[in-house]
């Protein structure tokens, strides 16, 4: 994936998160859950958003907080799922 695409993905992810953390600035590696910025309900919203935004299917095996803990973790998860989808095509 080109750096431009990765940067665009991170920008989308940051924008989505910003709408749920009430103006708090979040670093790309900041743990969203450990810091109390978001809760488990947000996790559900985040998974649904990832599925819709990136046209990816998030399976039970993917439902690990490590995949959704930070902007970088989410971007990495999306990149891996895209790569797997590309291999299956």
PDB file of N, CA and C in Angstrom:
ATOM      1  N   UNK A   1       0.846  -1.177   0.000  1.00  0.00           N
ATOM      2  CA  UNK A   1       0.000   0.000   0.000  1.00  0.00           C
ATOM      3  C   UNK A   1       0.889   1.236   0.000  1.00  0.00           C
ATOM      4  N   UNK A   2       0.531   2.197  -0.793  1.00  0.00           N
ATOM      5  CA  UNK A   2       1.294   3.435  -0.869  1.00  0.00           C
ATOM      6  C   UNK A   2       1.159   4.225   0.422  1.00  0.00           C
ATOM      7  N   UNK A   3       2.216   5.011   0.713  1.00  0.00           N
ATOM      8  CA  UNK A   3       2.181   5.846   1.919  1.00  0.00           C
ATOM      9  C   UNK A   3       0.987   6.787   1.908  1.00  0.00           C
ATOM     10  N   UNK A   4       0.635   7.294   0.728  1.00  0.00           N
ATOM     11  CA  UNK A   4      -0.517   8.196   0.621  1.00  0.00           C
ATOM     12  C   UNK A   4      -1.788   7.501   1.098  1.00  0.00           C
ATOM     13  N   UNK A   5      -2.005   6.258   0.685  1.00  0.00           N
ATOM     14  CA  UNK A   5      -3.191   5.505   1.105  1.00  0.00           C
ATOM     15  C   UNK A   5      -3.187   5.279   2.611  1.00  0.00           C
ATOM     16  N   UNK A   6      -2.019   4.926   3.146  1.00  0.00           N
ATOM     17  CA  UNK A   6      -1.899   4.687   4.584  1.00  0.00           C
ATOM     18  C   UNK A   6      -2.187   5.977   5.354  1.00  0.00           C
ATOM     19  N   UNK A   7      -1.649   7.093   4.864  1.00  0.00           N
ATOM     20  CA  UNK A   7      -1.897   8.388   5.513  1.00  0.00           C
ATOM     21  C   UNK A   7      -3.383   8.756   5.440  1.00  0.00           C
ATOM     22  N   UNK A   8      -3.998   8.488   4.295  1.00  0.00           N
ATOM     23  CA  UNK A   8      -5.421   8.768   4.137  1.00  0.00           C
ATOM     24  C   UNK A   8      -6.248   7.912   5.110  1.00  0.00           C
ATOM     25  N   UNK A   9      -5.889   6.635   5.239  1.00  0.00           N
ATOM     26  CA  UNK A   9      -6.590   5.766   6.187  1.00  0.00           C
ATOM     27  C   UNK A   9      -6.472   6.311   7.607  1.00  0.00           C
ATOM     28  N   UNK A  10      -5.273   6.706   7.989  1.00  0.00           N
ATOM     29  CA  UNK A  10      -5.082   7.238   9.343  1.00  0.00           C
ATOM     30  C   UNK A  10      -5.896   8.515   9.553  1.00  0.00           C
ATOM     31  N   UNK A  11      -5.973   9.338   8.528  1.00  0.00           N
ATOM     32  CA  UNK A  11      -6.761  10.566   8.631  1.00  0.00           C
ATOM     33  C   UNK A  11      -8.240  10.236   8.844  1.00  0.00           C
ATOM     34  N   UNK A  12      -8.761   9.275   8.094  1.00  0.00           N
ATOM     35  CA  UNK A  12     -10.154   8.850   8.276  1.00  0.00           C
ATOM     36  C   UNK A  12     -10.384   8.313   9.682  1.00  0.00           C
ATOM     37  N   UNK A  13      -9.465   7.497  10.147  1.00  0.00           N
ATOM     38  CA  UNK A  13      -9.581   6.896  11.479  1.00  0.00           C
ATOM     39  C   UNK A  13      -9.534   7.989  12.545  1.00  0.00           C
ATOM     40  N   UNK A  14      -8.586   8.905  12.428  1.00  0.00           N
ATOM     41  CA  UNK A  14      -8.485  10.017  13.389  1.00  0.00           C
ATOM     42  C   UNK A  14      -9.779  10.832  13.426  1.00  0.00           C
ATOM     43  N   UNK A  15     -10.332  11.111  12.250  1.00  0.00           N
ATOM     44  CA  UNK A  15     -11.571  11.890  12.183  1.00  0.00           C
ATOM     45  C   UNK A  15     -12.720  11.169  12.877  1.00  0.00           C
ATOM     46  N   UNK A  16     -12.833   9.866  12.661  1.00  0.00           N
ATOM     47  CA  UNK A  16     -13.895   9.095  13.309  1.00  0.00           C
ATOM     48  C   UNK A  16     -13.722   9.119  14.827  1.00  0.00           C
ATOM     49  N   UNK A  17     -12.513   8.877  15.282  1.00  0.00           N
ATOM     50  CA  UNK A  17     -12.238   8.866  16.729  1.00  0.00           C
ATOM     51  C   UNK A  17     -12.491  10.251  17.328  1.00  0.00           C
ATOM     52  N   UNK A  18     -12.077  11.298  16.633  1.00  0.00           N
ATOM     53  CA  UNK A  18     -12.242  12.666  17.146  1.00  0.00           C
ATOM     54  C   UNK A  18     -13.697  12.972  17.446  1.00  0.00           C
ATOM     55  N   UNK A  19     -14.586  12.393  16.684  1.00  0.00           N
ATOM     56  CA  UNK A  19     -16.007  12.624  16.910  1.00  0.00           C
ATOM     57  C   UNK A  19     -16.541  11.953  18.164  1.00  0.00           C
ATOM     58  N   UNK A  20     -15.702  11.131  18.805  1.00  0.00           N
ATOM     59  CA  UNK A  20     -16.152  10.385  19.987  1.00  0.00           C
ATOM     60  C   UNK A  20     -15.352  10.668  21.255  1.00  0.00           C
ATOM     61  N   UNK A  21     -14.324  11.522  21.155  1.00  0.00           N
ATOM     62  CA  UNK A  21     -13.495  11.787  22.340  1.00  0.00           C
ATOM     63  C   UNK A  21     -13.585  13.244  22.811  1.00  0.00           C
ATOM     64  N   UNK A  22     -14.605  13.944  22.352  1.00  0.00           N
ATOM     65  CA  UNK A  22     -14.931  15.277  22.861  1.00  0.00           C
ATOM     66  C   UNK A  22     -13.760  16.258  22.803  1.00  0.00           C
ATOM     67  N   UNK A  23     -13.107  16.311  21.647  1.00  0.00           N
ATOM     68  CA  UNK A  23     -12.062  17.302  21.430  1.00  0.00           C
ATOM     69  C   UNK A  23     -10.697  16.960  21.984  1.00  0.00           C
ATOM     70  N   UNK A  24     -10.544  15.805  22.599  1.00  0.00           N
ATOM     71  CA  UNK A  24      -9.238  15.402  23.126  1.00  0.00           C
ATOM     72  C   UNK A  24      -8.354  14.994  21.954  1.00  0.00           C
ATOM     73  N   UNK A  25      -7.138  15.531  21.901  1.00  0.00           N
ATOM     74  CA  UNK A  25      -6.199  15.156  20.843  1.00  0.00           C
ATOM     75  C   UNK A  25      -5.598  13.798  21.171  1.00  0.00           C
ATOM     76  N   UNK A  26      -5.617  12.902  20.209  1.00  0.00           N
ATOM     77  CA  UNK A  26      -5.164  11.527  20.411  1.00  0.00           C
ATOM     78  C   UNK A  26      -3.968  11.257  19.505  1.00  0.00           C
ATOM     79  N   UNK A  27      -2.870  10.792  20.107  1.00  0.00           N
ATOM     80  CA  UNK A  27      -1.700  10.396  19.322  1.00  0.00           C
ATOM     81  C   UNK A  27      -1.983   9.082  18.606  1.00  0.00           C
ATOM     82  N   UNK A  28      -1.277   8.830  17.520  1.00  0.00           N
ATOM     83  CA  UNK A  28      -1.530   7.633  16.719  1.00  0.00           C
ATOM     84  C   UNK A  28      -1.264   6.331  17.478  1.00  0.00           C
ATOM     85  N   UNK A  29      -0.389   6.360  18.478  1.00  0.00           N
ATOM     86  CA  UNK A  29      -0.093   5.153  19.259  1.00  0.00           C
ATOM     87  C   UNK A  29      -0.786   5.127  20.620  1.00  0.00           C
ATOM     88  N   UNK A  30      -1.576   6.128  20.915  1.00  0.00           N
ATOM     89  CA  UNK A  30      -2.235   6.205  22.222  1.00  0.00           C
ATOM     90  C   UNK A  30      -3.309   5.129  22.363  1.00  0.00           C
ATOM     91  N   UNK A  31      -3.293   4.450  23.504  1.00  0.00           N
ATOM     92  CA  UNK A  31      -4.282   3.405  23.791  1.00  0.00           C
ATOM     93  C   UNK A  31      -5.607   4.066  24.147  1.00  0.00           C
ATOM     94  N   UNK A  32      -6.570   3.930  23.262  1.00  0.00           N
ATOM     95  CA  UNK A  32      -7.861   4.592  23.434  1.00  0.00           C
ATOM     96  C   UNK A  32      -8.639   4.056  24.627  1.00  0.00           C
ATOM     97  N   UNK A  33      -8.497   2.783  24.899  1.00  0.00           N
ATOM     98  CA  UNK A  33      -9.287   2.139  25.948  1.00  0.00           C
ATOM     99  C   UNK A  33      -8.637   2.273  27.317  1.00  0.00           C
ATOM    100  N   UNK A  34      -7.329   2.089  27.388  1.00  0.00           N
ATOM    101  CA  UNK A  34      -6.628   2.167  28.680  1.00  0.00           C
ATOM    102  C   UNK A  34      -6.718   3.573  29.270  1.00  0.00           C
ATOM    103  N   UNK A  35      -6.722   4.568  28.410  1.00  0.00           N
ATOM    104  CA  UNK A  35      -6.790   5.948  28.882  1.00  0.00           C
ATOM    105  C   UNK A  35      -8.193   6.402  29.238  1.00  0.00           C
ATOM    106  N   UNK A  36      -9.180   5.528  29.027  1.00  0.00           N
ATOM    107  CA  UNK A  36     -10.553   5.877  29.357  1.00  0.00           C
ATOM    108  C   UNK A  36     -11.202   6.850  28.385  1.00  0.00           C
ATOM    109  N   UNK A  37     -10.581   7.042  27.229  1.00  0.00           N
ATOM    110  CA  UNK A  37     -11.145   7.967  26.248  1.00  0.00           C
ATOM    111  C   UNK A  37     -12.430   7.430  25.633  1.00  0.00           C
ATOM    112  N   UNK A  38     -12.503   6.106  25.507  1.00  0.00           N
ATOM    113  CA  UNK A  38     -13.667   5.458  24.912  1.00  0.00           C
ATOM    114  C   UNK A  38     -14.028   4.225  25.738  1.00  0.00           C
ATOM    115  N   UNK A  39     -15.209   3.666  25.446  1.00  0.00           N
ATOM    116  CA  UNK A  39     -15.662   2.500  26.202  1.00  0.00           C
ATOM    117  C   UNK A  39     -16.004   1.356  25.249  1.00  0.00           C
ATOM    118  N   UNK A  40     -16.555   0.287  25.797  1.00  0.00           N
ATOM    119  CA  UNK A  40     -16.853  -0.893  24.989  1.00  0.00           C
ATOM    120  C   UNK A  40     -17.939  -0.623  23.950  1.00  0.00           C
ATOM    121  N   UNK A  41     -18.850   0.281  24.230  1.00  0.00           N
ATOM    122  CA  UNK A  41     -19.861   0.642  23.236  1.00  0.00           C
ATOM    123  C   UNK A  41     -19.196   1.273  22.018  1.00  0.00           C
ATOM    124  N   UNK A  42     -18.206   2.109  22.260  1.00  0.00           N
ATOM    125  CA  UNK A  42     -17.449   2.689  21.156  1.00  0.00           C
ATOM    126  C   UNK A  42     -16.756   1.597  20.352  1.00  0.00           C
ATOM    127  N   UNK A  43     -16.266   0.568  21.016  1.00  0.00           N
ATOM    128  CA  UNK A  43     -15.600  -0.528  20.307  1.00  0.00           C
ATOM    129  C   UNK A  43     -16.539  -1.144  19.276  1.00  0.00           C
ATOM    130  N   UNK A  44     -17.785  -1.336  19.651  1.00  0.00           N
ATOM    131  CA  UNK A  44     -18.778  -1.886  18.724  1.00  0.00           C
ATOM    132  C   UNK A  44     -18.988  -0.922  17.555  1.00  0.00           C
ATOM    133  N   UNK A  45     -19.126   0.360  17.866  1.00  0.00           N
ATOM    134  CA  UNK A  45     -19.299   1.367  16.816  1.00  0.00           C
ATOM    135  C   UNK A  45     -18.091   1.400  15.882  1.00  0.00           C
ATOM    136  N   UNK A  46     -16.915   1.273  16.459  1.00  0.00           N
ATOM    137  CA  UNK A  46     -15.678   1.302  15.683  1.00  0.00           C
ATOM    138  C   UNK A  46     -15.607   0.114  14.724  1.00  0.00           C
ATOM    139  N   UNK A  47     -15.932  -1.062  15.207  1.00  0.00           N
ATOM    140  CA  UNK A  47     -15.917  -2.253  14.353  1.00  0.00           C
ATOM    141  C   UNK A  47     -16.897  -2.075  13.190  1.00  0.00           C
ATOM    142  N   UNK A  48     -18.084  -1.597  13.486  1.00  0.00           N
ATOM    143  CA  UNK A  48     -19.083  -1.383  12.434  1.00  0.00           C
ATOM    144  C   UNK A  48     -18.605  -0.329  11.433  1.00  0.00           C
ATOM    145  N   UNK A  49     -17.979   0.710  11.928  1.00  0.00           N
ATOM    146  CA  UNK A  49     -17.455   1.765  11.060  1.00  0.00           C
ATOM    147  C   UNK A  49     -16.364   1.214  10.147  1.00  0.00           C
ATOM    148  N   UNK A  50     -15.455   0.423  10.695  1.00  0.00           N
ATOM    149  CA  UNK A  50     -14.382  -0.181   9.886  1.00  0.00           C
ATOM    150  C   UNK A  50     -14.986  -1.046   8.781  1.00  0.00           C
ATOM    151  N   UNK A  51     -15.973  -1.851   9.126  1.00  0.00           N
ATOM    152  CA  UNK A  51     -16.611  -2.707   8.122  1.00  0.00           C
ATOM    153  C   UNK A  51     -17.236  -1.880   6.996  1.00  0.00           C
ATOM    154  N   UNK A  52     -17.974  -0.835   7.357  1.00  0.00           N
ATOM    155  CA  UNK A  52     -18.646   0.008   6.358  1.00  0.00           C
ATOM    156  C   UNK A  52     -17.655   0.837   5.544  1.00  0.00           C
ATOM    157  N   UNK A  53     -16.724   1.463   6.224  1.00  0.00           N
ATOM    158  CA  UNK A  53     -15.807   2.395   5.574  1.00  0.00           C
ATOM    159  C   UNK A  53     -14.855   1.684   4.616  1.00  0.00           C
ATOM    160  N   UNK A  54     -14.370   0.515   5.020  1.00  0.00           N
ATOM    161  CA  UNK A  54     -13.363  -0.190   4.233  1.00  0.00           C
ATOM    162  C   UNK A  54     -13.915  -1.420   3.512  1.00  0.00           C
ATOM    163  N   UNK A  55     -15.227  -1.620   3.605  1.00  0.00           N
ATOM    164  CA  UNK A  55     -15.864  -2.765   2.959  1.00  0.00           C
ATOM    165  C   UNK A  55     -15.140  -4.067   3.316  1.00  0.00           C
ATOM    166  N   UNK A  56     -14.896  -4.232   4.627  1.00  0.00           N
ATOM    167  CA  UNK A  56     -14.226  -5.419   5.152  1.00  0.00           C
ATOM    168  C   UNK A  56     -15.164  -6.157   6.089  1.00  0.00           C
ATOM    169  N   UNK A  57     -14.978  -7.444   6.175  1.00  0.00           N
ATOM    170  CA  UNK A  57     -15.733  -8.236   7.139  1.00  0.00           C
ATOM    171  C   UNK A  57     -14.847  -8.482   8.350  1.00  0.00           C
ATOM    172  N   UNK A  58     -15.311  -8.072   9.517  1.00  0.00           N
ATOM    173  CA  UNK A  58     -14.593  -8.305  10.758  1.00  0.00           C
ATOM    174  C   UNK A  58     -15.194  -9.560  11.377  1.00  0.00           C
ATOM    175  N   UNK A  59     -14.395 -10.607  11.491  1.00  0.00           N
ATOM    176  CA  UNK A  59     -14.876 -11.880  12.025  1.00  0.00           C
ATOM    177  C   UNK A  59     -14.610 -11.962  13.526  1.00  0.00           C
ATOM    178  N   UNK A  60     -15.134 -13.003  14.137  1.00  0.00           N
ATOM    179  CA  UNK A  60     -14.934 -13.206  15.571  1.00  0.00           C
ATOM    180  C   UNK A  60     -13.464 -13.252  15.956  1.00  0.00           C
ATOM    181  N   UNK A  61     -12.647 -13.867  15.110  1.00  0.00           N
ATOM    182  CA  UNK A  61     -11.210 -13.960  15.394  1.00  0.00           C
ATOM    183  C   UNK A  61     -10.534 -12.591  15.372  1.00  0.00           C
ATOM    184  N   UNK A  62     -11.134 -11.635  14.669  1.00  0.00           N
ATOM    185  CA  UNK A  62     -10.574 -10.280  14.574  1.00  0.00           C
ATOM    186  C   UNK A  62     -10.905  -9.411  15.786  1.00  0.00           C
ATOM    187  N   UNK A  63     -11.882  -9.851  16.576  1.00  0.00           N
ATOM    188  CA  UNK A  63     -12.373  -9.028  17.680  1.00  0.00           C
ATOM    189  C   UNK A  63     -11.441  -9.096  18.879  1.00  0.00           C
ATOM    190  N   UNK A  64     -10.291  -8.518  18.693  1.00  0.00           N
ATOM    191  CA  UNK A  64      -9.261  -8.447  19.718  1.00  0.00           C
ATOM    192  C   UNK A  64      -8.970  -6.957  19.917  1.00  0.00           C
ATOM    193  N   UNK A  65      -8.984  -6.496  21.165  1.00  0.00           N
ATOM    194  CA  UNK A  65      -8.731  -5.077  21.412  1.00  0.00           C
ATOM    195  C   UNK A  65      -7.414  -4.622  20.792  1.00  0.00           C
ATOM    196  N   UNK A  66      -6.456  -5.520  20.653  1.00  0.00           N
ATOM    197  CA  UNK A  66      -5.168  -5.154  20.061  1.00  0.00           C
ATOM    198  C   UNK A  66      -5.335  -4.611  18.643  1.00  0.00           C
ATOM    199  N   UNK A  67      -6.355  -5.061  17.920  1.00  0.00           N
ATOM    200  CA  UNK A  67      -6.599  -4.593  16.558  1.00  0.00           C
ATOM    201  C   UNK A  67      -7.221  -3.202  16.509  1.00  0.00           C
ATOM    202  N   UNK A  68      -7.766  -2.744  17.630  1.00  0.00           N
ATOM    203  CA  UNK A  68      -8.543  -1.498  17.641  1.00  0.00           C
ATOM    204  C   UNK A  68      -8.093  -0.528  18.733  1.00  0.00           C
ATOM    205  N   UNK A  69      -6.951  -0.791  19.341  1.00  0.00           N
ATOM    206  CA  UNK A  69      -6.478  -0.051  20.508  1.00  0.00           C
ATOM    207  C   UNK A  69      -6.024   1.377  20.195  1.00  0.00           C
ATOM    208  N   UNK A  70      -5.517   1.601  18.990  1.00  0.00           N
ATOM    209  CA  UNK A  70      -4.974   2.919  18.632  1.00  0.00           C
ATOM    210  C   UNK A  70      -5.185   3.177  17.148  1.00  0.00           C
ATOM    211  N   UNK A  71      -4.910   4.394  16.745  1.00  0.00           N
ATOM    212  CA  UNK A  71      -5.010   4.741  15.322  1.00  0.00           C
ATOM    213  C   UNK A  71      -4.103   3.828  14.509  1.00  0.00           C
ATOM    214  N   UNK A  72      -2.854   3.657  14.959  1.00  0.00           N
ATOM    215  CA  UNK A  72      -1.917   2.803  14.227  1.00  0.00           C
ATOM    216  C   UNK A  72      -2.372   1.348  14.209  1.00  0.00           C
ATOM    217  N   UNK A  73      -2.929   0.870  15.303  1.00  0.00           N
ATOM    218  CA  UNK A  73      -3.405  -0.517  15.355  1.00  0.00           C
ATOM    219  C   UNK A  73      -4.559  -0.720  14.373  1.00  0.00           C
ATOM    220  N   UNK A  74      -5.467   0.226  14.314  1.00  0.00           N
ATOM    221  CA  UNK A  74      -6.614   0.125  13.400  1.00  0.00           C
ATOM    222  C   UNK A  74      -6.123   0.171  11.953  1.00  0.00           C
ATOM    223  N   UNK A  75      -5.230   1.092  11.653  1.00  0.00           N
ATOM    224  CA  UNK A  75      -4.689   1.194  10.296  1.00  0.00           C
ATOM    225  C   UNK A  75      -3.964  -0.087   9.900  1.00  0.00           C
ATOM    226  N   UNK A  76      -3.217  -0.668  10.827  1.00  0.00           N
ATOM    227  CA  UNK A  76      -2.527  -1.934  10.556  1.00  0.00           C
ATOM    228  C   UNK A  76      -3.510  -3.065  10.320  1.00  0.00           C
ATOM    229  N   UNK A  77      -4.562  -3.097  11.112  1.00  0.00           N
ATOM    230  CA  UNK A  77      -5.603  -4.119  10.948  1.00  0.00           C
ATOM    231  C   UNK A  77      -6.244  -4.004   9.561  1.00  0.00           C
ATOM    232  N   UNK A  78      -6.600  -2.791   9.178  1.00  0.00           N
ATOM    233  CA  UNK A  78      -7.212  -2.564   7.862  1.00  0.00           C
ATOM    234  C   UNK A  78      -6.251  -3.013   6.759  1.00  0.00           C
ATOM    235  N   UNK A  79      -4.984  -2.673   6.887  1.00  0.00           N
ATOM    236  CA  UNK A  79      -3.981  -3.056   5.887  1.00  0.00           C
ATOM    237  C   UNK A  79      -3.874  -4.583   5.773  1.00  0.00           C
ATOM    238  N   UNK A  80      -3.852  -5.267   6.915  1.00  0.00           N
ATOM    239  CA  UNK A  80      -3.765  -6.746   6.900  1.00  0.00           C
ATOM    240  C   UNK A  80      -5.008  -7.375   6.286  1.00  0.00           C
ATOM    241  N   UNK A  81      -6.185  -6.863   6.647  1.00  0.00           N
ATOM    242  CA  UNK A  81      -7.428  -7.410   6.092  1.00  0.00           C
ATOM    243  C   UNK A  81      -7.497  -7.183   4.584  1.00  0.00           C
ATOM    244  N   UNK A  82      -7.062  -6.024   4.132  1.00  0.00           N
ATOM    245  CA  UNK A  82      -7.040  -5.755   2.686  1.00  0.00           C
ATOM    246  C   UNK A  82      -6.101  -6.721   1.971  1.00  0.00           C
ATOM    247  N   UNK A  83      -4.946  -6.958   2.584  1.00  0.00           N
ATOM    248  CA  UNK A  83      -3.976  -7.872   1.971  1.00  0.00           C
ATOM    249  C   UNK A  83      -4.575  -9.278   1.874  1.00  0.00           C
ATOM    250  N   UNK A  84      -5.244  -9.712   2.930  1.00  0.00           N
ATOM    251  CA  UNK A  84      -5.891 -11.038   2.904  1.00  0.00           C
ATOM    252  C   UNK A  84      -6.996 -11.080   1.854  1.00  0.00           C
ATOM    253  N   UNK A  85      -7.757 -10.025   1.748  1.00  0.00           N
ATOM    254  CA  UNK A  85      -8.833  -9.976   0.753  1.00  0.00           C
ATOM    255  C   UNK A  85      -8.236  -9.998  -0.656  1.00  0.00           C
ATOM    256  N   UNK A  86      -7.096  -9.347  -0.841  1.00  0.00           N
ATOM    257  CA  UNK A  86      -6.437  -9.359  -2.130  1.00  0.00           C
ATOM    258  C   UNK A  86      -5.919 -10.739  -2.498  1.00  0.00           C
ATOM    259  N   UNK A  87      -5.439 -11.480  -1.489  1.00  0.00           N
ATOM    260  CA  UNK A  87      -4.952 -12.842  -1.719  1.00  0.00           C
ATOM    261  C   UNK A  87      -6.088 -13.779  -2.094  1.00  0.00           C
ATOM    262  N   UNK A  88      -7.286 -13.509  -1.554  1.00  0.00           N
ATOM    263  CA  UNK A  88      -8.436 -14.381  -1.798  1.00  0.00           C
ATOM    264  C   UNK A  88      -9.056 -14.107  -3.166  1.00  0.00           C
ATOM    265  N   UNK A  89      -8.782 -12.917  -3.713  1.00  0.00           N
ATOM    266  CA  UNK A  89      -9.400 -12.552  -5.001  1.00  0.00           C
ATOM    267  C   UNK A  89      -8.760 -13.256  -6.166  1.00  0.00           C
TER     268      UNK A  89
END
